[in-house]
Amino acid sequence: MNLLQEAIAWLMNPANWSGAGGVLERILQHLLITAASVALASAVALPVGIIIGHTKKAAGFVPAVTGAMRAVPTLGMLTVFALMLGIGFQAPLLALTVLAMPSVLAGVYSGVNAVDHTVTDAAKAIGMQPAQIVFKVELPLALPLIIGGVRAATLQVVATATLAAYTADIGLGRYLFAGLKSRDYTEMLAAALLVTALSLIIEIPFGVCERFAKKLSRNTSNG
């Protein structure tokens, strides 16, 4: 039996899915830290990207910040946060939030900034207030790029969240670290397959949402 067959057999074994530390629990932990990281990143990046994209001020801030944040290695950040905060959930949460922020910020800023100024000028001409222009004109038109940014951030975090196991007993990364320590390559490959499958499953609803957003954007533009 080759390594791939052994990994599939490991995944098909019901004993590996149940109980504390089972696959199902690890998947839920992996999804939880992914969702929390992207939500925190979005809470910061969305308003910043909207404001800069709408006002056109400090436009150089976005590429500079996103470039700098992307240059920082996640494992290095995780190590620094772990030394500051100790072993646990907080360090990987912060490191993954920093990882997610550039994609979300770039998507929001690009989407809002790309709205044709003739459309916003027409909205002003009919008496719309700045907040109305943002929420009724710019955001609907920018929605495909915003969702694209969140989508890219989520997939990056899902793939990188395995590092959470470096400082905490959570997520699918535990199988990678445990397998590496014990030289159980079957367990390591099984974990890699789980992360890959999880990424593909998450990709599907984002693709549907992005197509819907494009239709909404076209309707708003035509309206």
C-alpha atoms as a PDB file:
ATOM      1  CA  MET A   1       0.000   0.000   0.000  1.00  0.00           C
ATOM      2  CA  ASN A   2       1.469   3.380  -1.013  1.00  0.00           C
ATOM      3  CA  LEU A   3       1.403   6.523   1.119  1.00  0.00           C
ATOM      4  CA  LEU A   4      -1.672   8.038  -0.594  1.00  0.00           C
ATOM      5  CA  GLN A   5      -3.671   4.841  -0.082  1.00  0.00           C
ATOM      6  CA  GLU A   6      -2.624   4.755   3.554  1.00  0.00           C
ATOM      7  CA  ALA A   7      -3.675   8.385   4.013  1.00  0.00           C
ATOM      8  CA  ILE A   8      -7.094   7.677   2.465  1.00  0.00           C
ATOM      9  CA  ALA A   9      -7.462   4.629   4.709  1.00  0.00           C
ATOM     10  CA  TRP A  10      -6.607   6.840   7.703  1.00  0.00           C
ATOM     11  CA  LEU A  11      -9.309   9.289   6.665  1.00  0.00           C
ATOM     12  CA  MET A  12     -11.825   6.490   6.185  1.00  0.00           C
ATOM     13  CA  ASN A  13     -11.236   5.134   9.687  1.00  0.00           C
ATOM     14  CA  PRO A  14     -14.195   6.259  11.876  1.00  0.00           C
ATOM     15  CA  ALA A  15     -12.005   6.106  14.977  1.00  0.00           C
ATOM     16  CA  ASN A  16      -9.994   9.083  13.717  1.00  0.00           C
ATOM     17  CA  TRP A  17     -13.114  11.251  13.420  1.00  0.00           C
ATOM     18  CA  SER A  18     -14.689  10.887  16.843  1.00  0.00           C
ATOM     19  CA  GLY A  19     -13.817  11.999  20.356  1.00  0.00           C
ATOM     20  CA  ALA A  20     -11.538  14.720  21.652  1.00  0.00           C
ATOM     21  CA  GLY A  21      -8.886  15.567  19.107  1.00  0.00           C
ATOM     22  CA  GLY A  22     -10.787  13.793  16.332  1.00  0.00           C
ATOM     23  CA  VAL A  23     -10.936  15.051  12.760  1.00  0.00           C
ATOM     24  CA  LEU A  24     -14.382  16.611  13.157  1.00  0.00           C
ATOM     25  CA  GLU A  25     -13.295  18.620  16.201  1.00  0.00           C
ATOM     26  CA  ARG A  26     -10.088  19.700  14.447  1.00  0.00           C
ATOM     27  CA  ILE A  27     -12.032  20.852  11.386  1.00  0.00           C
ATOM     28  CA  LEU A  28     -14.389  22.931  13.542  1.00  0.00           C
ATOM     29  CA  GLN A  29     -11.403  24.498  15.330  1.00  0.00           C
ATOM     30  CA  HIS A  30      -9.758  25.224  11.974  1.00  0.00           C
ATOM     31  CA  LEU A  31     -12.912  26.886  10.661  1.00  0.00           C
ATOM     32  CA  LEU A  32     -13.371  28.854  13.882  1.00  0.00           C
ATOM     33  CA  ILE A  33      -9.928  30.432  13.854  1.00  0.00           C
ATOM     34  CA  THR A  34     -10.242  31.111  10.113  1.00  0.00           C
ATOM     35  CA  ALA A  35     -13.610  32.843  10.524  1.00  0.00           C
ATOM     36  CA  ALA A  36     -12.431  34.825  13.547  1.00  0.00           C
ATOM     37  CA  SER A  37      -9.257  35.999  11.790  1.00  0.00           C
ATOM     38  CA  VAL A  38     -11.041  37.086   8.603  1.00  0.00           C
ATOM     39  CA  ALA A  39     -13.799  38.782  10.634  1.00  0.00           C
ATOM     40  CA  LEU A  40     -11.254  40.785  12.659  1.00  0.00           C
ATOM     41  CA  ALA A  41      -9.310  41.707   9.529  1.00  0.00           C
ATOM     42  CA  SER A  42     -12.514  42.790   7.784  1.00  0.00           C
ATOM     43  CA  ALA A  43     -13.624  44.863  10.777  1.00  0.00           C
ATOM     44  CA  VAL A  44     -10.469  46.953  10.359  1.00  0.00           C
ATOM     45  CA  ALA A  45      -9.884  46.813   6.597  1.00  0.00           C
ATOM     46  CA  LEU A  46     -13.450  47.427   5.363  1.00  0.00           C
ATOM     47  CA  PRO A  47     -13.977  50.894   6.861  1.00  0.00           C
ATOM     48  CA  VAL A  48     -10.396  51.970   6.095  1.00  0.00           C
ATOM     49  CA  GLY A  49     -10.667  50.828   2.471  1.00  0.00           C
ATOM     50  CA  ILE A  50     -14.084  52.451   2.024  1.00  0.00           C
ATOM     51  CA  ILE A  51     -12.959  55.791   3.447  1.00  0.00           C
ATOM     52  CA  ILE A  52      -9.757  55.937   1.387  1.00  0.00           C
ATOM     53  CA  GLY A  53     -11.471  54.716  -1.784  1.00  0.00           C
ATOM     54  CA  HIS A  54     -14.345  57.201  -1.390  1.00  0.00           C
ATOM     55  CA  THR A  55     -12.299  60.272  -0.479  1.00  0.00           C
ATOM     56  CA  LYS A  56      -9.356  59.435  -2.794  1.00  0.00           C
ATOM     57  CA  LYS A  57      -7.087  60.721  -0.025  1.00  0.00           C
ATOM     58  CA  ALA A  58      -3.940  58.903   1.129  1.00  0.00           C
ATOM     59  CA  ALA A  59      -4.259  56.572  -1.866  1.00  0.00           C
ATOM     60  CA  GLY A  60      -0.586  55.601  -1.549  1.00  0.00           C
ATOM     61  CA  PHE A  61      -1.298  54.292   1.956  1.00  0.00           C
ATOM     62  CA  VAL A  62      -3.038  51.133   0.746  1.00  0.00           C
ATOM     63  CA  PRO A  63      -0.316  49.662  -1.522  1.00  0.00           C
ATOM     64  CA  ALA A  64       2.365  50.630   0.989  1.00  0.00           C
ATOM     65  CA  VAL A  65       0.620  48.991   3.935  1.00  0.00           C
ATOM     66  CA  THR A  66      -0.551  45.898   2.070  1.00  0.00           C
ATOM     67  CA  GLY A  67       2.912  45.403   0.580  1.00  0.00           C
ATOM     68  CA  ALA A  68       4.582  45.729   3.974  1.00  0.00           C
ATOM     69  CA  MET A  69       2.128  43.362   5.674  1.00  0.00           C
ATOM     70  CA  ARG A  70       2.513  40.745   2.937  1.00  0.00           C
ATOM     71  CA  ALA A  71       6.286  40.878   3.333  1.00  0.00           C
ATOM     72  CA  VAL A  72       6.120  39.850   6.995  1.00  0.00           C
ATOM     73  CA  PRO A  73       6.393  36.040   7.400  1.00  0.00           C
ATOM     74  CA  THR A  74       3.403  34.597   9.258  1.00  0.00           C
ATOM     75  CA  LEU A  75       5.498  32.098  11.206  1.00  0.00           C
ATOM     76  CA  GLY A  76       7.733  34.928  12.400  1.00  0.00           C
ATOM     77  CA  MET A  77       4.724  36.971  13.519  1.00  0.00           C
ATOM     78  CA  LEU A  78       3.262  33.941  15.240  1.00  0.00           C
ATOM     79  CA  THR A  79       6.503  33.392  17.155  1.00  0.00           C
ATOM     80  CA  VAL A  80       6.675  37.028  18.251  1.00  0.00           C
ATOM     81  CA  PHE A  81       3.027  37.065  19.362  1.00  0.00           C
ATOM     82  CA  ALA A  82       3.505  33.779  21.214  1.00  0.00           C
ATOM     83  CA  LEU A  83       6.487  35.198  23.103  1.00  0.00           C
ATOM     84  CA  MET A  84       4.434  38.273  24.013  1.00  0.00           C
ATOM     85  CA  LEU A  85       1.089  36.607  24.796  1.00  0.00           C
ATOM     86  CA  GLY A  86       2.091  33.063  25.701  1.00  0.00           C
ATOM     87  CA  ILE A  87       0.919  29.736  24.380  1.00  0.00           C
ATOM     88  CA  GLY A  88      -2.728  29.678  23.324  1.00  0.00           C
ATOM     89  CA  PHE A  89      -5.334  30.853  20.839  1.00  0.00           C
ATOM     90  CA  GLN A  90      -4.476  34.579  20.867  1.00  0.00           C
ATOM     91  CA  ALA A  91      -1.111  34.433  19.085  1.00  0.00           C
ATOM     92  CA  PRO A  92      -2.272  32.547  15.967  1.00  0.00           C
ATOM     93  CA  LEU A  93      -5.463  34.621  15.863  1.00  0.00           C
ATOM     94  CA  LEU A  94      -3.471  37.856  15.656  1.00  0.00           C
ATOM     95  CA  ALA A  95      -0.944  36.460  13.175  1.00  0.00           C
ATOM     96  CA  LEU A  96      -3.684  35.170  10.864  1.00  0.00           C
ATOM     97  CA  THR A  97      -5.584  38.457  11.159  1.00  0.00           C
ATOM     98  CA  VAL A  98      -2.495  40.308   9.914  1.00  0.00           C
ATOM     99  CA  LEU A  99      -2.224  37.773   7.077  1.00  0.00           C
ATOM    100  CA  ALA A 100      -5.854  38.327   6.033  1.00  0.00           C
ATOM    101  CA  MET A 101      -5.871  42.116   6.193  1.00  0.00           C
ATOM    102  CA  PRO A 102      -3.930  43.009   2.989  1.00  0.00           C
ATOM    103  CA  SER A 103      -6.251  41.069   0.659  1.00  0.00           C
ATOM    104  CA  VAL A 104      -9.409  42.476   2.262  1.00  0.00           C
ATOM    105  CA  LEU A 105      -8.061  46.037   2.279  1.00  0.00           C
ATOM    106  CA  ALA A 106      -6.852  45.840  -1.323  1.00  0.00           C
ATOM    107  CA  GLY A 107     -10.182  44.429  -2.501  1.00  0.00           C
ATOM    108  CA  VAL A 108     -12.277  47.080  -0.754  1.00  0.00           C
ATOM    109  CA  TYR A 109     -10.089  49.990  -1.788  1.00  0.00           C
ATOM    110  CA  SER A 110      -9.784  48.809  -5.401  1.00  0.00           C
ATOM    111  CA  GLY A 111     -13.528  48.247  -5.689  1.00  0.00           C
ATOM    112  CA  VAL A 112     -14.589  51.607  -4.277  1.00  0.00           C
ATOM    113  CA  ASN A 113     -11.805  53.535  -6.002  1.00  0.00           C
ATOM    114  CA  ALA A 114     -12.682  51.984  -9.382  1.00  0.00           C
ATOM    115  CA  VAL A 115     -16.268  53.312  -9.386  1.00  0.00           C
ATOM    116  CA  ASP A 116     -16.638  55.696 -12.322  1.00  0.00           C
ATOM    117  CA  HIS A 117     -16.661  59.292 -11.082  1.00  0.00           C
ATOM    118  CA  THR A 118     -19.471  60.122 -13.517  1.00  0.00           C
ATOM    119  CA  VAL A 119     -21.707  57.723 -11.576  1.00  0.00           C
ATOM    120  CA  THR A 120     -20.923  59.366  -8.225  1.00  0.00           C
ATOM    121  CA  ASP A 121     -21.266  62.827  -9.796  1.00  0.00           C
ATOM    122  CA  ALA A 122     -24.720  61.879 -11.037  1.00  0.00           C
ATOM    123  CA  ALA A 123     -25.630  60.661  -7.548  1.00  0.00           C
ATOM    124  CA  LYS A 124     -24.514  63.990  -6.088  1.00  0.00           C
ATOM    125  CA  ALA A 125     -26.516  65.849  -8.723  1.00  0.00           C
ATOM    126  CA  ILE A 126     -29.756  64.195  -7.638  1.00  0.00           C
ATOM    127  CA  GLY A 127     -29.123  65.186  -4.028  1.00  0.00           C
ATOM    128  CA  MET A 128     -27.565  62.066  -2.475  1.00  0.00           C
ATOM    129  CA  GLN A 129     -25.559  62.599   0.697  1.00  0.00           C
ATOM    130  CA  PRO A 130     -22.014  61.146   0.983  1.00  0.00           C
ATOM    131  CA  ALA A 131     -23.213  58.224   3.113  1.00  0.00           C
ATOM    132  CA  GLN A 132     -25.960  57.436   0.599  1.00  0.00           C
ATOM    133  CA  ILE A 133     -23.450  57.503  -2.249  1.00  0.00           C
ATOM    134  CA  VAL A 134     -21.215  55.056  -0.370  1.00  0.00           C
ATOM    135  CA  PHE A 135     -23.919  52.559   0.596  1.00  0.00           C
ATOM    136  CA  LYS A 136     -26.287  52.844  -2.377  1.00  0.00           C
ATOM    137  CA  VAL A 137     -23.849  53.427  -5.229  1.00  0.00           C
ATOM    138  CA  GLU A 138     -20.200  52.688  -4.487  1.00  0.00           C
ATOM    139  CA  LEU A 139     -20.502  49.564  -2.342  1.00  0.00           C
ATOM    140  CA  PRO A 140     -22.951  47.743  -4.670  1.00  0.00           C
ATOM    141  CA  LEU A 141     -20.657  48.493  -7.619  1.00  0.00           C
ATOM    142  CA  ALA A 142     -17.554  47.505  -5.644  1.00  0.00           C
ATOM    143  CA  LEU A 143     -19.096  44.351  -4.182  1.00  0.00           C
ATOM    144  CA  PRO A 144     -17.496  41.846  -6.620  1.00  0.00           C
ATOM    145  CA  LEU A 145     -13.988  43.087  -5.770  1.00  0.00           C
ATOM    146  CA  ILE A 146     -14.802  43.258  -2.059  1.00  0.00           C
ATOM    147  CA  ILE A 147     -15.972  39.643  -2.060  1.00  0.00           C
ATOM    148  CA  GLY A 148     -12.924  38.708  -4.133  1.00  0.00           C
ATOM    149  CA  GLY A 149     -10.670  40.239  -1.494  1.00  0.00           C
ATOM    150  CA  VAL A 150     -12.416  38.421   1.352  1.00  0.00           C
ATOM    151  CA  ARG A 151     -12.320  35.223  -0.689  1.00  0.00           C
ATOM    152  CA  ALA A 152      -8.554  35.493  -1.242  1.00  0.00           C
ATOM    153  CA  ALA A 153      -7.993  36.296   2.429  1.00  0.00           C
ATOM    154  CA  THR A 154     -10.104  33.349   3.592  1.00  0.00           C
ATOM    155  CA  LEU A 155      -8.315  30.850   1.367  1.00  0.00           C
ATOM    156  CA  GLN A 156      -4.928  32.176   2.497  1.00  0.00           C
ATOM    157  CA  VAL A 157      -5.923  31.832   6.141  1.00  0.00           C
ATOM    158  CA  VAL A 158      -7.402  28.343   5.703  1.00  0.00           C
ATOM    159  CA  ALA A 159      -4.137  27.141   4.203  1.00  0.00           C
ATOM    160  CA  THR A 160      -1.953  28.908   6.775  1.00  0.00           C
ATOM    161  CA  ALA A 161      -4.101  28.171   9.857  1.00  0.00           C
ATOM    162  CA  THR A 162      -2.226  24.884  10.196  1.00  0.00           C
ATOM    163  CA  LEU A 163       0.458  27.018  11.882  1.00  0.00           C
ATOM    164  CA  ALA A 164      -1.950  27.660  14.767  1.00  0.00           C
ATOM    165  CA  ALA A 165      -0.892  24.264  16.091  1.00  0.00           C
ATOM    166  CA  TYR A 166       2.612  25.695  16.580  1.00  0.00           C
ATOM    167  CA  THR A 167       1.427  27.498  19.731  1.00  0.00           C
ATOM    168  CA  ALA A 168      -1.990  25.973  20.469  1.00  0.00           C
ATOM    169  CA  ASP A 169      -3.605  22.545  20.454  1.00  0.00           C
ATOM    170  CA  ILE A 170      -6.113  23.490  17.761  1.00  0.00           C
ATOM    171  CA  GLY A 171      -6.846  22.897  14.112  1.00  0.00           C
ATOM    172  CA  LEU A 172      -5.761  20.424  11.489  1.00  0.00           C
ATOM    173  CA  GLY A 173      -2.160  21.504  11.919  1.00  0.00           C
ATOM    174  CA  ARG A 174      -1.958  19.300  15.023  1.00  0.00           C
ATOM    175  CA  TYR A 175      -1.866  16.267  12.735  1.00  0.00           C
ATOM    176  CA  LEU A 176       0.979  17.803  10.733  1.00  0.00           C
ATOM    177  CA  PHE A 177       3.068  18.639  13.790  1.00  0.00           C
ATOM    178  CA  ALA A 178       2.297  15.326  15.529  1.00  0.00           C
ATOM    179  CA  GLY A 179       3.027  13.379  12.353  1.00  0.00           C
ATOM    180  CA  LEU A 180       6.292  15.234  11.806  1.00  0.00           C
ATOM    181  CA  LYS A 181       7.388  14.571  15.383  1.00  0.00           C
ATOM    182  CA  SER A 182       6.594  10.849  15.188  1.00  0.00           C
ATOM    183  CA  ARG A 183       7.516  10.509  11.492  1.00  0.00           C
ATOM    184  CA  ASP A 184       3.953   9.412  10.768  1.00  0.00           C
ATOM    185  CA  TYR A 185       3.817  10.614   7.161  1.00  0.00           C
ATOM    186  CA  THR A 186       0.438   8.979   6.634  1.00  0.00           C
ATOM    187  CA  GLU A 187      -1.107  11.261   9.251  1.00  0.00           C
ATOM    188  CA  MET A 188       0.665  14.268   7.754  1.00  0.00           C
ATOM    189  CA  LEU A 189      -0.605  13.540   4.234  1.00  0.00           C
ATOM    190  CA  ALA A 190      -4.122  12.943   5.554  1.00  0.00           C
ATOM    191  CA  ALA A 191      -4.044  16.372   7.224  1.00  0.00           C
ATOM    192  CA  ALA A 192      -2.806  17.987   4.014  1.00  0.00           C
ATOM    193  CA  LEU A 193      -5.656  16.360   2.087  1.00  0.00           C
ATOM    194  CA  LEU A 194      -8.156  17.622   4.668  1.00  0.00           C
ATOM    195  CA  VAL A 195      -6.879  21.200   4.379  1.00  0.00           C
ATOM    196  CA  THR A 196      -7.008  20.993   0.574  1.00  0.00           C
ATOM    197  CA  ALA A 197     -10.565  19.647   0.647  1.00  0.00           C
ATOM    198  CA  LEU A 198     -11.600  22.329   3.129  1.00  0.00           C
ATOM    199  CA  SER A 199     -10.216  25.050   0.851  1.00  0.00           C
ATOM    200  CA  LEU A 200     -12.101  23.670  -2.149  1.00  0.00           C
ATOM    201  CA  ILE A 201     -15.354  23.432  -0.192  1.00  0.00           C
ATOM    202  CA  ILE A 202     -15.011  27.025   1.043  1.00  0.00           C
ATOM    203  CA  GLU A 203     -14.258  28.203  -2.500  1.00  0.00           C
ATOM    204  CA  ILE A 204     -17.695  27.103  -3.775  1.00  0.00           C
ATOM    205  CA  PRO A 205     -19.956  29.509  -1.793  1.00  0.00           C
ATOM    206  CA  PHE A 206     -17.542  32.374  -2.416  1.00  0.00           C
ATOM    207  CA  GLY A 207     -17.757  31.713  -6.157  1.00  0.00           C
ATOM    208  CA  VAL A 208     -21.562  31.763  -5.988  1.00  0.00           C
ATOM    209  CA  CYS A 209     -21.559  35.007  -3.971  1.00  0.00           C
ATOM    210  CA  GLU A 210     -19.139  36.641  -6.384  1.00  0.00           C
ATOM    211  CA  ARG A 211     -21.319  35.800  -9.392  1.00  0.00           C
ATOM    212  CA  PHE A 212     -24.379  37.166  -7.586  1.00  0.00           C
ATOM    213  CA  ALA A 213     -22.444  40.334  -6.689  1.00  0.00           C
ATOM    214  CA  LYS A 214     -21.501  40.857 -10.345  1.00  0.00           C
ATOM    215  CA  LYS A 215     -25.174  40.683 -11.331  1.00  0.00           C
ATOM    216  CA  LEU A 216     -26.073  43.136  -8.566  1.00  0.00           C
ATOM    217  CA  SER A 217     -23.280  45.448  -9.684  1.00  0.00           C
ATOM    218  CA  ARG A 218     -24.510  45.386 -13.289  1.00  0.00           C
ATOM    219  CA  ASN A 219     -28.086  46.111 -12.176  1.00  0.00           C
ATOM    220  CA  THR A 220     -26.923  49.026 -10.030  1.00  0.00           C
ATOM    221  CA  SER A 221     -24.837  50.407 -12.892  1.00  0.00           C
ATOM    222  CA  ASN A 222     -27.724  50.106 -15.351  1.00  0.00           C
ATOM    223  CA  GLY A 223     -30.177  51.554 -12.842  1.00  0.00           C
END
